Amino acid sequence: MGREVRKVTMQDADKEFVRGSLKSARWLTRAVAQRNETNLKVAAEIVRYQKAFLEQGMHQMRPLKLKLITDNVGVHESTISRVTSAMMMETPKGSFPLRIFFSTAIESDDSEEGASAMMICEKIRKMIFAELPKRPLSDDTIKGQLHDQGLQIARRTVAKYRKLDSIPSSSQRRRGYQLQAMM
């Protein structure tokens, strides 16, 4: 295409415009290629770090901070943040926004790195869905069961995670179960 354009344009102003446009197009092509390369590096590092989650499920999610990926990929934290806020990853466990792979650590007796907040949310969800309708689990009971599993978590944190999942309190669930039984 460059040759065709050169044949058609004869004036210096036209040639300069075409040169500038081609230079901009080359720059854009390199920028897109670099962005794609960075995206792939970030995704590969997340997959490497969260391999157990991808193979076994949410209960294996590890806590992860942007800083760790930054150190391993070699780009600024803000770049990692931009990449993860706008991308999705197709996994054997479904499609997830990259942001979901980053989670704060909650103190755990089992590991130095702690437990992922996402994994704790999953445990709370499973406990509530397995509860007996006549005896819904209170946040304090859930906290106790998590403590028995070696997870150091406060009752108010259990309540926060429960609310984030739009799960009603134990008294609200009890009333809901009673209403279902009446119907």
N, C-alpha and C. Protein backbone atom coordinates (compact mmCIF):
# COMPACT_ATOMS: atom_id res chain seq x y z
N MET A 1 0.83 -1.19 0.00
CA MET A 1 0.00 0.00 0.00
C MET A 1 0.88 1.25 0.00
N GLY A 2 2.01 1.19 0.69
CA GLY A 2 2.91 2.33 0.75
C GLY A 2 3.37 2.77 -0.62
N ARG A 3 3.64 1.83 -1.51
CA ARG A 3 4.10 2.16 -2.87
C ARG A 3 2.99 2.85 -3.65
N GLU A 4 1.76 2.34 -3.50
CA GLU A 4 0.63 2.94 -4.21
C GLU A 4 0.44 4.39 -3.78
N VAL A 5 0.59 4.64 -2.49
CA VAL A 5 0.42 6.00 -1.98
C VAL A 5 1.53 6.89 -2.49
N ARG A 6 2.76 6.36 -2.54
CA ARG A 6 3.89 7.16 -3.03
C ARG A 6 3.70 7.56 -4.49
N LYS A 7 3.14 6.68 -5.32
CA LYS A 7 2.92 6.98 -6.73
C LYS A 7 1.90 8.10 -6.91
N VAL A 8 0.86 8.09 -6.06
CA VAL A 8 -0.23 9.05 -6.19
C VAL A 8 0.19 10.42 -5.68
N THR A 9 0.93 10.48 -4.62
CA THR A 9 1.27 11.76 -4.00
C THR A 9 2.57 12.29 -4.59
N MET A 10 2.51 13.49 -5.04
CA MET A 10 3.68 14.10 -5.64
C MET A 10 4.14 15.33 -4.88
N GLN A 11 3.24 16.01 -4.22
CA GLN A 11 3.61 17.25 -3.53
C GLN A 11 4.29 16.95 -2.20
N ASP A 12 5.19 17.81 -1.79
CA ASP A 12 5.94 17.61 -0.54
C ASP A 12 5.02 17.55 0.68
N ALA A 13 4.00 18.35 0.71
CA ALA A 13 3.07 18.36 1.85
C ALA A 13 2.34 17.02 1.96
N ASP A 14 1.97 16.48 0.81
CA ASP A 14 1.29 15.18 0.80
C ASP A 14 2.24 14.08 1.27
N LYS A 15 3.48 14.13 0.80
CA LYS A 15 4.47 13.13 1.20
C LYS A 15 4.72 13.20 2.71
N GLU A 16 4.81 14.38 3.24
CA GLU A 16 5.04 14.55 4.68
C GLU A 16 3.85 14.03 5.49
N PHE A 17 2.64 14.30 5.00
CA PHE A 17 1.44 13.78 5.67
C PHE A 17 1.44 12.25 5.69
N VAL A 18 1.75 11.65 4.54
CA VAL A 18 1.77 10.19 4.44
C VAL A 18 2.86 9.62 5.35
N ARG A 19 4.06 10.22 5.36
CA ARG A 19 5.15 9.76 6.22
C ARG A 19 4.72 9.81 7.69
N GLY A 20 4.10 10.90 8.08
CA GLY A 20 3.63 11.04 9.46
C GLY A 20 2.56 10.01 9.81
N SER A 21 1.65 9.77 8.89
CA SER A 21 0.58 8.80 9.12
C SER A 21 1.15 7.39 9.24
N LEU A 22 2.08 7.04 8.38
CA LEU A 22 2.71 5.72 8.45
C LEU A 22 3.49 5.56 9.76
N LYS A 23 4.17 6.63 10.18
CA LYS A 23 4.92 6.59 11.44
C LYS A 23 3.96 6.36 12.61
N SER A 24 2.83 7.05 12.58
CA SER A 24 1.82 6.87 13.64
C SER A 24 1.25 5.46 13.62
N ALA A 25 1.01 4.92 12.44
CA ALA A 25 0.46 3.57 12.33
C ALA A 25 1.46 2.54 12.87
N ARG A 26 2.76 2.72 12.54
CA ARG A 26 3.78 1.79 13.07
C ARG A 26 3.85 1.88 14.60
N TRP A 27 3.80 3.10 15.11
CA TRP A 27 3.85 3.29 16.57
C TRP A 27 2.65 2.59 17.23
N LEU A 28 1.46 2.77 16.66
CA LEU A 28 0.26 2.15 17.21
C LEU A 28 0.36 0.62 17.18
N THR A 29 0.88 0.09 16.08
CA THR A 29 1.05 -1.36 15.96
C THR A 29 1.99 -1.87 17.05
N ARG A 30 3.12 -1.18 17.28
CA ARG A 30 4.07 -1.59 18.33
C ARG A 30 3.43 -1.47 19.71
N ALA A 31 2.66 -0.41 19.94
CA ALA A 31 2.02 -0.21 21.24
C ALA A 31 1.00 -1.31 21.54
N VAL A 32 0.22 -1.68 20.54
CA VAL A 32 -0.77 -2.76 20.71
C VAL A 32 -0.05 -4.08 20.97
N ALA A 33 1.02 -4.34 20.24
CA ALA A 33 1.78 -5.58 20.44
C ALA A 33 2.38 -5.63 21.84
N GLN A 34 2.91 -4.50 22.30
CA GLN A 34 3.48 -4.45 23.65
C GLN A 34 2.40 -4.64 24.71
N ARG A 35 1.24 -4.04 24.49
CA ARG A 35 0.13 -4.19 25.44
C ARG A 35 -0.32 -5.66 25.50
N ASN A 36 -0.45 -6.30 24.34
CA ASN A 36 -0.84 -7.71 24.31
C ASN A 36 0.19 -8.58 25.01
N GLU A 37 1.46 -8.27 24.81
CA GLU A 37 2.53 -9.03 25.47
C GLU A 37 2.44 -8.87 26.99
N THR A 38 2.20 -7.65 27.45
CA THR A 38 2.06 -7.41 28.89
C THR A 38 0.84 -8.14 29.44
N ASN A 39 -0.27 -8.08 28.72
CA ASN A 39 -1.48 -8.79 29.15
C ASN A 39 -1.21 -10.29 29.29
N LEU A 40 -0.52 -10.87 28.32
CA LEU A 40 -0.21 -12.29 28.37
C LEU A 40 0.72 -12.62 29.54
N LYS A 41 1.71 -11.77 29.79
CA LYS A 41 2.63 -12.01 30.90
C LYS A 41 1.88 -11.97 32.24
N VAL A 42 1.01 -10.98 32.39
CA VAL A 42 0.24 -10.85 33.64
C VAL A 42 -0.67 -12.07 33.81
N ALA A 43 -1.38 -12.44 32.76
CA ALA A 43 -2.29 -13.59 32.85
C ALA A 43 -1.51 -14.88 33.14
N ALA A 44 -0.36 -15.05 32.50
CA ALA A 44 0.45 -16.26 32.73
C ALA A 44 0.94 -16.31 34.18
N GLU A 45 1.32 -15.18 34.72
CA GLU A 45 1.80 -15.15 36.11
C GLU A 45 0.65 -15.44 37.08
N ILE A 46 -0.53 -14.93 36.80
CA ILE A 46 -1.70 -15.22 37.64
C ILE A 46 -2.02 -16.71 37.58
N VAL A 47 -2.00 -17.29 36.40
CA VAL A 47 -2.27 -18.72 36.24
C VAL A 47 -1.24 -19.53 37.01
N ARG A 48 0.03 -19.14 36.90
CA ARG A 48 1.08 -19.86 37.62
C ARG A 48 0.84 -19.81 39.13
N TYR A 49 0.49 -18.64 39.62
CA TYR A 49 0.31 -18.47 41.06
C TYR A 49 -0.97 -19.14 41.56
N GLN A 50 -2.04 -19.08 40.79
CA GLN A 50 -3.35 -19.61 41.22
C GLN A 50 -3.64 -20.98 40.59
N LYS A 51 -2.61 -21.74 40.27
CA LYS A 51 -2.78 -23.04 39.61
C LYS A 51 -3.70 -23.98 40.40
N ALA A 52 -3.53 -24.03 41.71
CA ALA A 52 -4.36 -24.93 42.53
C ALA A 52 -5.84 -24.56 42.42
N PHE A 53 -6.14 -23.27 42.42
CA PHE A 53 -7.53 -22.83 42.25
C PHE A 53 -8.08 -23.29 40.91
N LEU A 54 -7.31 -23.11 39.86
CA LEU A 54 -7.78 -23.46 38.52
C LEU A 54 -7.98 -24.96 38.38
N GLU A 55 -7.21 -25.75 39.09
CA GLU A 55 -7.34 -27.19 39.00
C GLU A 55 -8.38 -27.76 39.96
N GLN A 56 -8.50 -27.18 41.18
CA GLN A 56 -9.31 -27.79 42.22
C GLN A 56 -10.52 -26.99 42.67
N GLY A 57 -10.52 -25.69 42.40
CA GLY A 57 -11.69 -24.90 42.77
C GLY A 57 -11.39 -23.80 43.77
N MET A 58 -12.46 -23.06 44.12
CA MET A 58 -12.36 -21.86 44.93
C MET A 58 -11.69 -22.10 46.29
N HIS A 59 -11.87 -23.28 46.86
CA HIS A 59 -11.28 -23.54 48.18
C HIS A 59 -9.76 -23.53 48.15
N GLN A 60 -9.16 -23.50 46.95
CA GLN A 60 -7.71 -23.46 46.82
C GLN A 60 -7.18 -22.08 46.40
N MET A 61 -8.04 -21.08 46.37
CA MET A 61 -7.62 -19.72 46.00
C MET A 61 -6.60 -19.21 47.02
N ARG A 62 -5.48 -18.71 46.52
CA ARG A 62 -4.43 -18.17 47.39
C ARG A 62 -4.55 -16.65 47.43
N PRO A 63 -4.16 -16.05 48.57
CA PRO A 63 -4.16 -14.59 48.62
C PRO A 63 -3.10 -14.06 47.64
N LEU A 64 -3.42 -12.98 46.98
CA LEU A 64 -2.52 -12.43 45.98
C LEU A 64 -2.64 -10.92 45.96
N LYS A 65 -1.49 -10.25 45.91
CA LYS A 65 -1.46 -8.79 45.83
C LYS A 65 -0.81 -8.37 44.52
N LEU A 66 -1.19 -7.19 44.05
CA LEU A 66 -0.65 -6.66 42.80
C LEU A 66 0.88 -6.64 42.83
N LYS A 67 1.45 -6.33 43.98
CA LYS A 67 2.90 -6.19 44.12
C LYS A 67 3.63 -7.46 43.70
N LEU A 68 3.10 -8.62 44.03
CA LEU A 68 3.76 -9.87 43.67
C LEU A 68 3.82 -10.04 42.16
N ILE A 69 2.73 -9.76 41.48
CA ILE A 69 2.72 -9.86 40.02
C ILE A 69 3.63 -8.80 39.42
N THR A 70 3.62 -7.60 40.00
CA THR A 70 4.48 -6.51 39.55
C THR A 70 5.94 -6.94 39.58
N ASP A 71 6.35 -7.53 40.70
CA ASP A 71 7.74 -7.96 40.85
C ASP A 71 8.11 -9.04 39.84
N ASN A 72 7.21 -9.96 39.57
CA ASN A 72 7.51 -11.07 38.68
C ASN A 72 7.41 -10.72 37.19
N VAL A 73 6.54 -9.75 36.85
CA VAL A 73 6.37 -9.38 35.44
C VAL A 73 7.29 -8.24 35.05
N GLY A 74 7.60 -7.36 36.02
CA GLY A 74 8.52 -6.27 35.75
C GLY A 74 7.88 -5.02 35.18
N VAL A 75 6.62 -4.78 35.52
CA VAL A 75 5.96 -3.53 35.12
C VAL A 75 5.41 -2.86 36.38
N HIS A 76 5.00 -1.61 36.25
CA HIS A 76 4.50 -0.85 37.39
C HIS A 76 3.17 -1.39 37.88
N GLU A 77 2.91 -1.21 39.17
CA GLU A 77 1.66 -1.67 39.78
C GLU A 77 0.43 -1.09 39.09
N SER A 78 0.51 0.16 38.66
CA SER A 78 -0.64 0.78 37.99
C SER A 78 -0.94 0.07 36.67
N THR A 79 0.09 -0.44 36.00
CA THR A 79 -0.11 -1.18 34.76
C THR A 79 -0.86 -2.49 35.05
N ILE A 80 -0.44 -3.18 36.10
CA ILE A 80 -1.10 -4.43 36.49
C ILE A 80 -2.56 -4.13 36.84
N SER A 81 -2.78 -3.04 37.55
CA SER A 81 -4.14 -2.66 37.94
C SER A 81 -5.01 -2.41 36.72
N ARG A 82 -4.48 -1.69 35.73
CA ARG A 82 -5.25 -1.41 34.51
C ARG A 82 -5.54 -2.70 33.75
N VAL A 83 -4.54 -3.56 33.63
CA VAL A 83 -4.72 -4.82 32.90
C VAL A 83 -5.80 -5.66 33.57
N THR A 84 -5.73 -5.79 34.89
CA THR A 84 -6.66 -6.68 35.59
C THR A 84 -8.06 -6.10 35.73
N SER A 85 -8.19 -4.79 35.62
CA SER A 85 -9.53 -4.22 35.77
C SER A 85 -10.36 -4.35 34.50
N ALA A 86 -9.71 -4.58 33.37
CA ALA A 86 -10.44 -4.57 32.10
C ALA A 86 -10.48 -5.92 31.38
N MET A 87 -9.85 -6.95 31.95
CA MET A 87 -9.77 -8.21 31.23
C MET A 87 -10.48 -9.34 31.94
N MET A 88 -10.92 -10.31 31.15
CA MET A 88 -11.53 -11.53 31.65
C MET A 88 -10.62 -12.70 31.27
N MET A 89 -10.71 -13.79 32.05
CA MET A 89 -9.95 -14.99 31.73
C MET A 89 -10.90 -16.18 31.70
N GLU A 90 -10.83 -16.93 30.62
CA GLU A 90 -11.60 -18.16 30.49
C GLU A 90 -10.79 -19.27 31.15
N THR A 91 -11.38 -19.95 32.14
CA THR A 91 -10.69 -21.01 32.87
C THR A 91 -11.57 -22.27 32.88
N PRO A 92 -11.01 -23.39 33.31
CA PRO A 92 -11.83 -24.60 33.43
C PRO A 92 -12.97 -24.42 34.44
N LYS A 93 -12.85 -23.45 35.34
CA LYS A 93 -13.87 -23.20 36.35
C LYS A 93 -14.84 -22.09 35.93
N GLY A 94 -14.72 -21.60 34.70
CA GLY A 94 -15.60 -20.55 34.20
C GLY A 94 -14.82 -19.31 33.81
N SER A 95 -15.52 -18.27 33.39
CA SER A 95 -14.89 -17.00 33.03
C SER A 95 -14.87 -16.09 34.24
N PHE A 96 -13.73 -15.47 34.48
CA PHE A 96 -13.58 -14.59 35.63
C PHE A 96 -12.88 -13.31 35.21
N PRO A 97 -13.26 -12.19 35.82
CA PRO A 97 -12.44 -10.99 35.63
C PRO A 97 -11.10 -11.23 36.32
N LEU A 98 -10.02 -10.74 35.74
CA LEU A 98 -8.70 -10.96 36.34
C LEU A 98 -8.62 -10.41 37.76
N ARG A 99 -9.41 -9.39 38.04
CA ARG A 99 -9.40 -8.77 39.37
C ARG A 99 -9.75 -9.78 40.46
N ILE A 100 -10.55 -10.79 40.14
CA ILE A 100 -11.01 -11.74 41.15
C ILE A 100 -9.85 -12.59 41.70
N PHE A 101 -8.78 -12.71 40.96
CA PHE A 101 -7.66 -13.53 41.39
C PHE A 101 -6.83 -12.85 42.48
N PHE A 102 -7.09 -11.56 42.71
CA PHE A 102 -6.37 -10.82 43.75
C PHE A 102 -7.25 -10.77 44.99
N SER A 103 -6.69 -11.18 46.10
CA SER A 103 -7.47 -11.26 47.32
C SER A 103 -6.58 -10.98 48.51
N THR A 104 -7.15 -10.38 49.52
CA THR A 104 -6.39 -10.13 50.74
C THR A 104 -6.17 -11.43 51.48
N ALA A 105 -5.18 -11.42 52.36
CA ALA A 105 -4.86 -12.62 53.15
C ALA A 105 -5.51 -12.52 54.51
N ILE A 106 -6.07 -13.63 54.95
CA ILE A 106 -6.62 -13.75 56.29
C ILE A 106 -5.76 -14.76 57.02
N GLU A 107 -5.40 -14.42 58.23
CA GLU A 107 -4.47 -15.26 59.00
C GLU A 107 -4.99 -16.69 59.12
N SER A 108 -4.07 -17.62 58.87
CA SER A 108 -4.42 -19.03 58.91
C SER A 108 -3.34 -19.81 59.64
N ASP A 109 -3.76 -20.79 60.44
CA ASP A 109 -2.80 -21.63 61.14
C ASP A 109 -2.08 -22.57 60.18
N ASP A 110 -2.70 -22.85 59.04
CA ASP A 110 -2.16 -23.84 58.10
C ASP A 110 -1.05 -23.31 57.20
N SER A 111 -1.03 -22.00 56.95
CA SER A 111 -0.02 -21.50 56.01
C SER A 111 0.46 -20.13 56.42
N GLU A 112 1.72 -19.85 56.06
CA GLU A 112 2.31 -18.55 56.37
C GLU A 112 1.68 -17.43 55.56
N GLU A 113 1.32 -17.74 54.30
CA GLU A 113 0.77 -16.69 53.43
C GLU A 113 -0.66 -16.34 53.80
N GLY A 114 -1.31 -17.17 54.60
CA GLY A 114 -2.69 -16.92 55.00
C GLY A 114 -3.68 -17.55 54.03
N ALA A 115 -4.93 -17.24 54.24
CA ALA A 115 -6.00 -17.76 53.40
C ALA A 115 -6.61 -16.62 52.60
N SER A 116 -7.03 -16.92 51.41
CA SER A 116 -7.64 -15.93 50.54
C SER A 116 -9.04 -15.56 51.04
N ALA A 117 -9.36 -14.29 50.97
CA ALA A 117 -10.70 -13.84 51.35
C ALA A 117 -11.75 -14.49 50.46
N MET A 118 -11.41 -14.74 49.19
CA MET A 118 -12.35 -15.40 48.28
C MET A 118 -12.64 -16.82 48.75
N MET A 119 -11.61 -17.50 49.22
CA MET A 119 -11.77 -18.86 49.72
C MET A 119 -12.64 -18.85 50.98
N ILE A 120 -12.46 -17.86 51.84
CA ILE A 120 -13.27 -17.74 53.06
C ILE A 120 -14.73 -17.52 52.68
N CYS A 121 -14.97 -16.64 51.71
CA CYS A 121 -16.35 -16.39 51.24
C CYS A 121 -16.99 -17.68 50.76
N GLU A 122 -16.24 -18.47 50.02
CA GLU A 122 -16.76 -19.74 49.51
C GLU A 122 -17.09 -20.69 50.66
N LYS A 123 -16.24 -20.74 51.67
CA LYS A 123 -16.50 -21.61 52.83
C LYS A 123 -17.77 -21.16 53.56
N ILE A 124 -17.92 -19.85 53.75
CA ILE A 124 -19.12 -19.31 54.42
C ILE A 124 -20.37 -19.68 53.62
N ARG A 125 -20.30 -19.48 52.31
CA ARG A 125 -21.43 -19.80 51.44
C ARG A 125 -21.81 -21.28 51.57
N LYS A 126 -20.82 -22.17 51.54
CA LYS A 126 -21.09 -23.60 51.64
C LYS A 126 -21.69 -23.96 52.99
N MET A 127 -21.18 -23.35 54.07
CA MET A 127 -21.72 -23.63 55.40
C MET A 127 -23.19 -23.23 55.48
N ILE A 128 -23.50 -22.07 54.94
CA ILE A 128 -24.88 -21.58 55.01
C ILE A 128 -25.81 -22.42 54.15
N PHE A 129 -25.37 -22.82 52.97
CA PHE A 129 -26.23 -23.63 52.10
C PHE A 129 -26.42 -25.04 52.64
N ALA A 130 -25.52 -25.48 53.52
CA ALA A 130 -25.63 -26.82 54.10
C ALA A 130 -26.31 -26.81 55.48
N GLU A 131 -26.70 -25.63 55.97
CA GLU A 131 -27.27 -25.55 57.31
C GLU A 131 -28.66 -26.19 57.37
N LEU A 132 -29.04 -26.55 58.58
CA LEU A 132 -30.38 -27.09 58.80
C LEU A 132 -31.37 -25.94 58.84
N PRO A 133 -32.49 -26.04 58.13
CA PRO A 133 -33.45 -24.94 58.11
C PRO A 133 -33.97 -24.55 59.50
N LYS A 134 -34.07 -25.50 60.41
CA LYS A 134 -34.58 -25.18 61.74
C LYS A 134 -33.51 -24.55 62.63
N ARG A 135 -32.23 -24.65 62.19
CA ARG A 135 -31.13 -24.11 62.99
C ARG A 135 -30.12 -23.38 62.11
N PRO A 136 -30.50 -22.22 61.57
CA PRO A 136 -29.56 -21.47 60.73
C PRO A 136 -28.32 -21.07 61.53
N LEU A 137 -27.19 -21.06 60.88
CA LEU A 137 -25.94 -20.73 61.54
C LEU A 137 -25.81 -19.22 61.75
N SER A 138 -25.49 -18.83 62.97
CA SER A 138 -25.24 -17.41 63.24
C SER A 138 -23.83 -17.07 62.76
N ASP A 139 -23.56 -15.78 62.61
CA ASP A 139 -22.22 -15.34 62.21
C ASP A 139 -21.18 -15.80 63.22
N ASP A 140 -21.55 -15.79 64.50
CA ASP A 140 -20.63 -16.22 65.55
C ASP A 140 -20.33 -17.73 65.44
N THR A 141 -21.34 -18.52 65.11
CA THR A 141 -21.15 -19.96 64.94
C THR A 141 -20.26 -20.23 63.74
N ILE A 142 -20.47 -19.50 62.66
CA ILE A 142 -19.64 -19.65 61.46
C ILE A 142 -18.20 -19.27 61.80
N LYS A 143 -18.04 -18.18 62.54
CA LYS A 143 -16.70 -17.76 62.98
C LYS A 143 -16.04 -18.88 63.76
N GLY A 144 -16.76 -19.51 64.67
CA GLY A 144 -16.21 -20.60 65.47
C GLY A 144 -15.80 -21.78 64.60
N GLN A 145 -16.63 -22.12 63.63
CA GLN A 145 -16.29 -23.25 62.73
C GLN A 145 -15.05 -22.92 61.90
N LEU A 146 -14.94 -21.68 61.47
CA LEU A 146 -13.74 -21.27 60.72
C LEU A 146 -12.51 -21.29 61.61
N HIS A 147 -12.67 -20.87 62.87
CA HIS A 147 -11.56 -20.94 63.83
C HIS A 147 -11.12 -22.39 64.00
N ASP A 148 -12.08 -23.32 64.07
CA ASP A 148 -11.77 -24.75 64.21
C ASP A 148 -10.97 -25.25 63.00
N GLN A 149 -11.15 -24.60 61.85
CA GLN A 149 -10.42 -24.97 60.63
C GLN A 149 -9.08 -24.24 60.53
N GLY A 150 -8.75 -23.46 61.58
CA GLY A 150 -7.47 -22.75 61.60
C GLY A 150 -7.49 -21.38 60.96
N LEU A 151 -8.67 -20.85 60.70
CA LEU A 151 -8.80 -19.53 60.06
C LEU A 151 -9.16 -18.48 61.12
N GLN A 152 -8.29 -17.51 61.29
CA GLN A 152 -8.50 -16.47 62.30
C GLN A 152 -9.31 -15.33 61.69
N ILE A 153 -10.60 -15.34 61.96
CA ILE A 153 -11.51 -14.37 61.34
C ILE A 153 -12.47 -13.85 62.40
N ALA A 154 -12.83 -12.61 62.31
CA ALA A 154 -13.75 -11.99 63.27
C ALA A 154 -15.20 -12.20 62.83
N ARG A 155 -16.12 -12.15 63.78
CA ARG A 155 -17.54 -12.30 63.49
C ARG A 155 -18.00 -11.22 62.52
N ARG A 156 -17.55 -10.00 62.71
CA ARG A 156 -17.98 -8.91 61.83
C ARG A 156 -17.47 -9.11 60.40
N THR A 157 -16.34 -9.81 60.24
CA THR A 157 -15.84 -10.12 58.90
C THR A 157 -16.74 -11.17 58.25
N VAL A 158 -17.19 -12.14 59.04
CA VAL A 158 -18.15 -13.13 58.53
C VAL A 158 -19.40 -12.41 58.05
N ALA A 159 -19.90 -11.47 58.86
CA ALA A 159 -21.11 -10.72 58.50
C ALA A 159 -20.88 -9.92 57.21
N LYS A 160 -19.70 -9.31 57.09
CA LYS A 160 -19.39 -8.52 55.90
C LYS A 160 -19.39 -9.41 54.65
N TYR A 161 -18.72 -10.56 54.71
CA TYR A 161 -18.67 -11.46 53.57
C TYR A 161 -20.05 -12.02 53.24
N ARG A 162 -20.83 -12.30 54.27
CA ARG A 162 -22.19 -12.82 54.06
C ARG A 162 -23.02 -11.77 53.34
N LYS A 163 -22.91 -10.51 53.77
CA LYS A 163 -23.66 -9.42 53.13
C LYS A 163 -23.20 -9.20 51.69
N LEU A 164 -21.89 -9.32 51.45
CA LEU A 164 -21.38 -9.16 50.08
C LEU A 164 -21.98 -10.21 49.14
N ASP A 165 -22.29 -11.37 49.68
CA ASP A 165 -22.92 -12.43 48.89
C ASP A 165 -24.44 -12.33 48.89
N SER A 166 -24.97 -11.27 49.48
CA SER A 166 -26.43 -11.05 49.58
C SER A 166 -27.12 -12.20 50.31
N ILE A 167 -26.47 -12.72 51.34
CA ILE A 167 -27.05 -13.78 52.16
C ILE A 167 -27.62 -13.12 53.41
N PRO A 168 -28.90 -13.34 53.70
CA PRO A 168 -29.52 -12.70 54.86
C PRO A 168 -28.92 -13.22 56.18
N SER A 169 -29.21 -12.51 57.26
CA SER A 169 -28.75 -12.93 58.59
C SER A 169 -29.45 -14.23 58.99
N SER A 170 -28.97 -14.85 60.06
CA SER A 170 -29.55 -16.13 60.50
C SER A 170 -31.02 -15.97 60.88
N SER A 171 -31.38 -14.85 61.52
CA SER A 171 -32.80 -14.66 61.88
C SER A 171 -33.66 -14.47 60.65
N GLN A 172 -33.16 -13.76 59.66
CA GLN A 172 -33.91 -13.58 58.41
C GLN A 172 -34.03 -14.91 57.65
N ARG A 173 -32.96 -15.70 57.66
CA ARG A 173 -33.02 -17.00 56.99
C ARG A 173 -34.01 -17.92 57.71
N ARG A 174 -34.03 -17.87 59.06
CA ARG A 174 -34.96 -18.69 59.84
C ARG A 174 -36.39 -18.36 59.45
N ARG A 175 -36.72 -17.06 59.37
CA ARG A 175 -38.06 -16.64 58.98
C ARG A 175 -38.37 -17.11 57.55
N GLY A 176 -37.39 -17.02 56.66
CA GLY A 176 -37.59 -17.47 55.29
C GLY A 176 -37.86 -18.96 55.22
N TYR A 177 -37.11 -19.73 56.01
CA TYR A 177 -37.33 -21.18 56.05
C TYR A 177 -38.73 -21.50 56.58
N GLN A 178 -39.17 -20.75 57.60
CA GLN A 178 -40.51 -20.98 58.18
C GLN A 178 -41.59 -20.67 57.15
N LEU A 179 -41.41 -19.60 56.41
CA LEU A 179 -42.38 -19.25 55.36
C LEU A 179 -42.42 -20.31 54.26
N GLN A 180 -41.26 -20.83 53.88
CA GLN A 180 -41.22 -21.88 52.87
C GLN A 180 -41.94 -23.14 53.36
N ALA A 181 -41.76 -23.46 54.64
CA ALA A 181 -42.39 -24.65 55.20
C ALA A 181 -43.91 -24.52 55.24
N MET A 182 -44.41 -23.29 55.39
CA MET A 182 -45.85 -23.06 55.47
C MET A 182 -46.51 -23.18 54.10
N MET A 183 -45.75 -23.00 53.05
CA MET A 183 -46.33 -22.99 51.69
C MET A 183 -46.40 -24.36 51.13
